[in-house]
Amino acid sequence: MLTSFLPGFALSLTLIMAIGAQNAFVLRQGLRREHVLPVVLLCAGSDALLIGAGVAGFG
């Protein structure tokens, strides 16, 4: 179990740490204090949906 956990954990960290368009948008909205909760919920939900689709084998 540990042999699959560590690479998966490292991959998730690299996905979170990379400043992409979505992360830059979330940071910008947070700094402006505009619609912070809806933006965070939408981005987290879409990430969870896409990760789930990838795990399930769609794409």
PDB file of N, CA and C in Angstrom:
ATOM      1  N   MET A   1       0.815  -1.191   0.000  1.00  0.00           N
ATOM      2  CA  MET A   1       0.000   0.000   0.000  1.00  0.00           C
ATOM      3  C   MET A   1       0.861   1.258   0.000  1.00  0.00           C
ATOM      4  N   LEU A   2       1.945   1.224   0.746  1.00  0.00           N
ATOM      5  CA  LEU A   2       2.806   2.394   0.837  1.00  0.00           C
ATOM      6  C   LEU A   2       3.484   2.688  -0.496  1.00  0.00           C
ATOM      7  N   THR A   3       3.728   1.643  -1.295  1.00  0.00           N
ATOM      8  CA  THR A   3       4.391   1.857  -2.579  1.00  0.00           C
ATOM      9  C   THR A   3       3.509   2.623  -3.552  1.00  0.00           C
ATOM     10  N   SER A   4       2.212   2.541  -3.420  1.00  0.00           N
ATOM     11  CA  SER A   4       1.333   3.327  -4.289  1.00  0.00           C
ATOM     12  C   SER A   4       0.927   4.646  -3.638  1.00  0.00           C
ATOM     13  N   PHE A   5       0.966   4.712  -2.303  1.00  0.00           N
ATOM     14  CA  PHE A   5       0.573   5.936  -1.610  1.00  0.00           C
ATOM     15  C   PHE A   5       1.574   7.057  -1.845  1.00  0.00           C
ATOM     16  N   LEU A   6       2.856   6.767  -1.716  1.00  0.00           N
ATOM     17  CA  LEU A   6       3.870   7.816  -1.819  1.00  0.00           C
ATOM     18  C   LEU A   6       3.905   8.480  -3.196  1.00  0.00           C
ATOM     19  N   PRO A   7       3.912   7.729  -4.305  1.00  0.00           N
ATOM     20  CA  PRO A   7       3.871   8.412  -5.603  1.00  0.00           C
ATOM     21  C   PRO A   7       2.580   9.207  -5.815  1.00  0.00           C
ATOM     22  N   GLY A   8       1.461   8.682  -5.348  1.00  0.00           N
ATOM     23  CA  GLY A   8       0.202   9.415  -5.473  1.00  0.00           C
ATOM     24  C   GLY A   8       0.207  10.692  -4.657  1.00  0.00           C
ATOM     25  N   PHE A   9       0.756  10.613  -3.449  1.00  0.00           N
ATOM     26  CA  PHE A   9       0.851  11.795  -2.598  1.00  0.00           C
ATOM     27  C   PHE A   9       1.777  12.833  -3.221  1.00  0.00           C
ATOM     28  N   ALA A  10       2.905  12.396  -3.763  1.00  0.00           N
ATOM     29  CA  ALA A  10       3.835  13.321  -4.408  1.00  0.00           C
ATOM     30  C   ALA A  10       3.200  13.967  -5.635  1.00  0.00           C
ATOM     31  N   LEU A  11       2.449  13.195  -6.399  1.00  0.00           N
ATOM     32  CA  LEU A  11       1.780  13.744  -7.572  1.00  0.00           C
ATOM     33  C   LEU A  11       0.751  14.790  -7.174  1.00  0.00           C
ATOM     34  N   SER A  12      -0.016  14.522  -6.131  1.00  0.00           N
ATOM     35  CA  SER A  12      -1.019  15.498  -5.701  1.00  0.00           C
ATOM     36  C   SER A  12      -0.359  16.777  -5.189  1.00  0.00           C
ATOM     37  N   LEU A  13       0.777  16.660  -4.529  1.00  0.00           N
ATOM     38  CA  LEU A  13       1.490  17.858  -4.085  1.00  0.00           C
ATOM     39  C   LEU A  13       1.980  18.689  -5.261  1.00  0.00           C
ATOM     40  N   THR A  14       2.490  18.036  -6.296  1.00  0.00           N
ATOM     41  CA  THR A  14       2.959  18.798  -7.453  1.00  0.00           C
ATOM     42  C   THR A  14       1.803  19.467  -8.172  1.00  0.00           C
ATOM     43  N   LEU A  15       0.639  18.837  -8.187  1.00  0.00           N
ATOM     44  CA  LEU A  15      -0.522  19.459  -8.813  1.00  0.00           C
ATOM     45  C   LEU A  15      -0.993  20.667  -8.021  1.00  0.00           C
ATOM     46  N   ILE A  16      -0.906  20.596  -6.708  1.00  0.00           N
ATOM     47  CA  ILE A  16      -1.346  21.705  -5.868  1.00  0.00           C
ATOM     48  C   ILE A  16      -0.333  22.846  -5.906  1.00  0.00           C
ATOM     49  N   MET A  17       0.948  22.517  -5.888  1.00  0.00           N
ATOM     50  CA  MET A  17       1.976  23.545  -5.801  1.00  0.00           C
ATOM     51  C   MET A  17       2.179  24.301  -7.106  1.00  0.00           C
ATOM     52  N   ALA A  18       1.866  23.699  -8.213  1.00  0.00           N
ATOM     53  CA  ALA A  18       2.053  24.377  -9.491  1.00  0.00           C
ATOM     54  C   ALA A  18       1.045  25.517  -9.605  1.00  0.00           C
ATOM     55  N   ILE A  19       1.531  26.709  -9.892  1.00  0.00           N
ATOM     56  CA  ILE A  19       0.634  27.854 -10.043  1.00  0.00           C
ATOM     57  C   ILE A  19       0.165  27.878 -11.490  1.00  0.00           C
ATOM     58  N   GLY A  20      -1.017  27.381 -11.685  1.00  0.00           N
ATOM     59  CA  GLY A  20      -1.631  27.384 -13.001  1.00  0.00           C
ATOM     60  C   GLY A  20      -2.682  28.467 -13.071  1.00  0.00           C
ATOM     61  N   ALA A  21      -3.454  28.446 -14.136  1.00  0.00           N
ATOM     62  CA  ALA A  21      -4.480  29.464 -14.340  1.00  0.00           C
ATOM     63  C   ALA A  21      -5.536  29.418 -13.237  1.00  0.00           C
ATOM     64  N   GLN A  22      -5.946  28.211 -12.856  1.00  0.00           N
ATOM     65  CA  GLN A  22      -6.983  28.091 -11.826  1.00  0.00           C
ATOM     66  C   GLN A  22      -6.469  28.586 -10.478  1.00  0.00           C
ATOM     67  N   ASN A  23      -5.263  28.184 -10.101  1.00  0.00           N
ATOM     68  CA  ASN A  23      -4.716  28.605  -8.810  1.00  0.00           C
ATOM     69  C   ASN A  23      -4.475  30.107  -8.773  1.00  0.00           C
ATOM     70  N   ALA A  24      -4.012  30.668  -9.881  1.00  0.00           N
ATOM     71  CA  ALA A  24      -3.811  32.116  -9.942  1.00  0.00           C
ATOM     72  C   ALA A  24      -5.143  32.848  -9.796  1.00  0.00           C
ATOM     73  N   PHE A  25      -6.193  32.308 -10.407  1.00  0.00           N
ATOM     74  CA  PHE A  25      -7.519  32.914 -10.293  1.00  0.00           C
ATOM     75  C   PHE A  25      -8.021  32.868  -8.854  1.00  0.00           C
ATOM     76  N   VAL A  26      -7.861  31.723  -8.200  1.00  0.00           N
ATOM     77  CA  VAL A  26      -8.302  31.595  -6.807  1.00  0.00           C
ATOM     78  C   VAL A  26      -7.518  32.559  -5.914  1.00  0.00           C
ATOM     79  N   LEU A  27      -6.212  32.656  -6.112  1.00  0.00           N
ATOM     80  CA  LEU A  27      -5.403  33.594  -5.327  1.00  0.00           C
ATOM     81  C   LEU A  27      -5.826  35.035  -5.567  1.00  0.00           C
ATOM     82  N   ARG A  28      -6.074  35.391  -6.820  1.00  0.00           N
ATOM     83  CA  ARG A  28      -6.483  36.759  -7.148  1.00  0.00           C
ATOM     84  C   ARG A  28      -7.816  37.105  -6.488  1.00  0.00           C
ATOM     85  N   GLN A  29      -8.781  36.184  -6.569  1.00  0.00           N
ATOM     86  CA  GLN A  29     -10.085  36.429  -5.956  1.00  0.00           C
ATOM     87  C   GLN A  29      -9.957  36.528  -4.439  1.00  0.00           C
ATOM     88  N   GLY A  30      -9.090  35.723  -3.854  1.00  0.00           N
ATOM     89  CA  GLY A  30      -8.886  35.786  -2.411  1.00  0.00           C
ATOM     90  C   GLY A  30      -8.260  37.095  -1.971  1.00  0.00           C
ATOM     91  N   LEU A  31      -7.282  37.569  -2.736  1.00  0.00           N
ATOM     92  CA  LEU A  31      -6.645  38.842  -2.395  1.00  0.00           C
ATOM     93  C   LEU A  31      -7.603  40.011  -2.558  1.00  0.00           C
ATOM     94  N   ARG A  32      -8.484  39.928  -3.542  1.00  0.00           N
ATOM     95  CA  ARG A  32      -9.491  40.978  -3.749  1.00  0.00           C
ATOM     96  C   ARG A  32     -10.662  40.851  -2.777  1.00  0.00           C
ATOM     97  N   ARG A  33     -10.773  39.686  -2.131  1.00  0.00           N
ATOM     98  CA  ARG A  33     -11.888  39.368  -1.232  1.00  0.00           C
ATOM     99  C   ARG A  33     -13.230  39.449  -1.959  1.00  0.00           C
ATOM    100  N   GLU A  34     -13.250  38.943  -3.185  1.00  0.00           N
ATOM    101  CA  GLU A  34     -14.466  38.932  -3.994  1.00  0.00           C
ATOM    102  C   GLU A  34     -14.902  37.490  -4.238  1.00  0.00           C
ATOM    103  N   HIS A  35     -16.083  37.130  -3.789  1.00  0.00           N
ATOM    104  CA  HIS A  35     -16.691  35.827  -4.066  1.00  0.00           C
ATOM    105  C   HIS A  35     -15.758  34.669  -3.702  1.00  0.00           C
ATOM    106  N   VAL A  36     -15.109  34.758  -2.565  1.00  0.00           N
ATOM    107  CA  VAL A  36     -14.088  33.778  -2.196  1.00  0.00           C
ATOM    108  C   VAL A  36     -14.688  32.385  -2.012  1.00  0.00           C
ATOM    109  N   LEU A  37     -15.736  32.263  -1.214  1.00  0.00           N
ATOM    110  CA  LEU A  37     -16.307  30.942  -0.939  1.00  0.00           C
ATOM    111  C   LEU A  37     -16.861  30.270  -2.193  1.00  0.00           C
ATOM    112  N   PRO A  38     -17.648  30.960  -3.028  1.00  0.00           N
ATOM    113  CA  PRO A  38     -18.133  30.287  -4.246  1.00  0.00           C
ATOM    114  C   PRO A  38     -16.999  29.852  -5.182  1.00  0.00           C
ATOM    115  N   VAL A  39     -15.967  30.676  -5.295  1.00  0.00           N
ATOM    116  CA  VAL A  39     -14.840  30.334  -6.172  1.00  0.00           C
ATOM    117  C   VAL A  39     -14.112  29.105  -5.644  1.00  0.00           C
ATOM    118  N   VAL A  40     -13.858  29.075  -4.346  1.00  0.00           N
ATOM    119  CA  VAL A  40     -13.152  27.935  -3.749  1.00  0.00           C
ATOM    120  C   VAL A  40     -13.982  26.663  -3.878  1.00  0.00           C
ATOM    121  N   LEU A  41     -15.282  26.761  -3.591  1.00  0.00           N
ATOM    122  CA  LEU A  41     -16.144  25.581  -3.693  1.00  0.00           C
ATOM    123  C   LEU A  41     -16.238  25.073  -5.127  1.00  0.00           C
ATOM    124  N   LEU A  42     -16.364  25.983  -6.075  1.00  0.00           N
ATOM    125  CA  LEU A  42     -16.450  25.581  -7.478  1.00  0.00           C
ATOM    126  C   LEU A  42     -15.152  24.918  -7.942  1.00  0.00           C
ATOM    127  N   CYS A  43     -14.027  25.501  -7.606  1.00  0.00           N
ATOM    128  CA  CYS A  43     -12.745  24.935  -8.030  1.00  0.00           C
ATOM    129  C   CYS A  43     -12.469  23.598  -7.345  1.00  0.00           C
ATOM    130  N   ALA A  44     -12.752  23.503  -6.061  1.00  0.00           N
ATOM    131  CA  ALA A  44     -12.536  22.239  -5.353  1.00  0.00           C
ATOM    132  C   ALA A  44     -13.472  21.161  -5.884  1.00  0.00           C
ATOM    133  N   GLY A  45     -14.719  21.531  -6.153  1.00  0.00           N
ATOM    134  CA  GLY A  45     -15.675  20.564  -6.697  1.00  0.00           C
ATOM    135  C   GLY A  45     -15.292  20.081  -8.076  1.00  0.00           C
ATOM    136  N   SER A  46     -14.855  21.010  -8.932  1.00  0.00           N
ATOM    137  CA  SER A  46     -14.460  20.597 -10.279  1.00  0.00           C
ATOM    138  C   SER A  46     -13.200  19.738 -10.243  1.00  0.00           C
ATOM    139  N   ASP A  47     -12.262  20.070  -9.357  1.00  0.00           N
ATOM    140  CA  ASP A  47     -11.064  19.234  -9.210  1.00  0.00           C
ATOM    141  C   ASP A  47     -11.437  17.832  -8.742  1.00  0.00           C
ATOM    142  N   ALA A  48     -12.319  17.744  -7.753  1.00  0.00           N
ATOM    143  CA  ALA A  48     -12.739  16.436  -7.244  1.00  0.00           C
ATOM    144  C   ALA A  48     -13.446  15.632  -8.325  1.00  0.00           C
ATOM    145  N   LEU A  49     -14.285  16.291  -9.108  1.00  0.00           N
ATOM    146  CA  LEU A  49     -14.993  15.611 -10.195  1.00  0.00           C
ATOM    147  C   LEU A  49     -14.017  15.088 -11.249  1.00  0.00           C
ATOM    148  N   LEU A  50     -13.054  15.907 -11.633  1.00  0.00           N
ATOM    149  CA  LEU A  50     -12.089  15.485 -12.647  1.00  0.00           C
ATOM    150  C   LEU A  50     -11.158  14.391 -12.126  1.00  0.00           C
ATOM    151  N   ILE A  51     -10.737  14.487 -10.874  1.00  0.00           N
ATOM    152  CA  ILE A  51      -9.900  13.432 -10.296  1.00  0.00           C
ATOM    153  C   ILE A  51     -10.685  12.134 -10.218  1.00  0.00           C
ATOM    154  N   GLY A  52     -11.947  12.219  -9.797  1.00  0.00           N
ATOM    155  CA  GLY A  52     -12.795  11.028  -9.742  1.00  0.00           C
ATOM    156  C   GLY A  52     -12.997  10.403 -11.107  1.00  0.00           C
ATOM    157  N   ALA A  53     -13.186  11.241 -12.129  1.00  0.00           N
ATOM    158  CA  ALA A  53     -13.346  10.723 -13.487  1.00  0.00           C
ATOM    159  C   ALA A  53     -12.068  10.031 -13.958  1.00  0.00           C
ATOM    160  N   GLY A  54     -10.923  10.604 -13.609  1.00  0.00           N
ATOM    161  CA  GLY A  54      -9.657   9.977 -13.982  1.00  0.00           C
ATOM    162  C   GLY A  54      -9.440   8.650 -13.280  1.00  0.00           C
ATOM    163  N   VAL A  55      -9.782   8.598 -12.009  1.00  0.00           N
ATOM    164  CA  VAL A  55      -9.637   7.355 -11.251  1.00  0.00           C
ATOM    165  C   VAL A  55     -10.580   6.291 -11.789  1.00  0.00           C
ATOM    166  N   ALA A  56     -11.781   6.709 -12.202  1.00  0.00           N
ATOM    167  CA  ALA A  56     -12.765   5.761 -12.721  1.00  0.00           C
ATOM    168  C   ALA A  56     -12.428   5.289 -14.136  1.00  0.00           C
ATOM    169  N   GLY A  57     -11.487   5.948 -14.784  1.00  0.00           N
ATOM    170  CA  GLY A  57     -11.065   5.506 -16.102  1.00  0.00           C
ATOM    171  C   GLY A  57     -11.654   6.288 -17.258  1.00  0.00           C
ATOM    172  N   PHE A  58     -12.289   7.408 -16.988  1.00  0.00           N
ATOM    173  CA  PHE A  58     -12.824   8.248 -18.062  1.00  0.00           C
ATOM    174  C   PHE A  58     -11.746   9.210 -18.514  1.00  0.00           C
ATOM    175  N   GLY A  59     -11.045   8.867 -19.561  1.00  0.00           N
ATOM    176  CA  GLY A  59     -10.018   9.757 -20.091  1.00  0.00           C
ATOM    177  C   GLY A  59      -8.689   9.303 -19.693  1.00  0.00           C
TER     178      GLY A  59
END
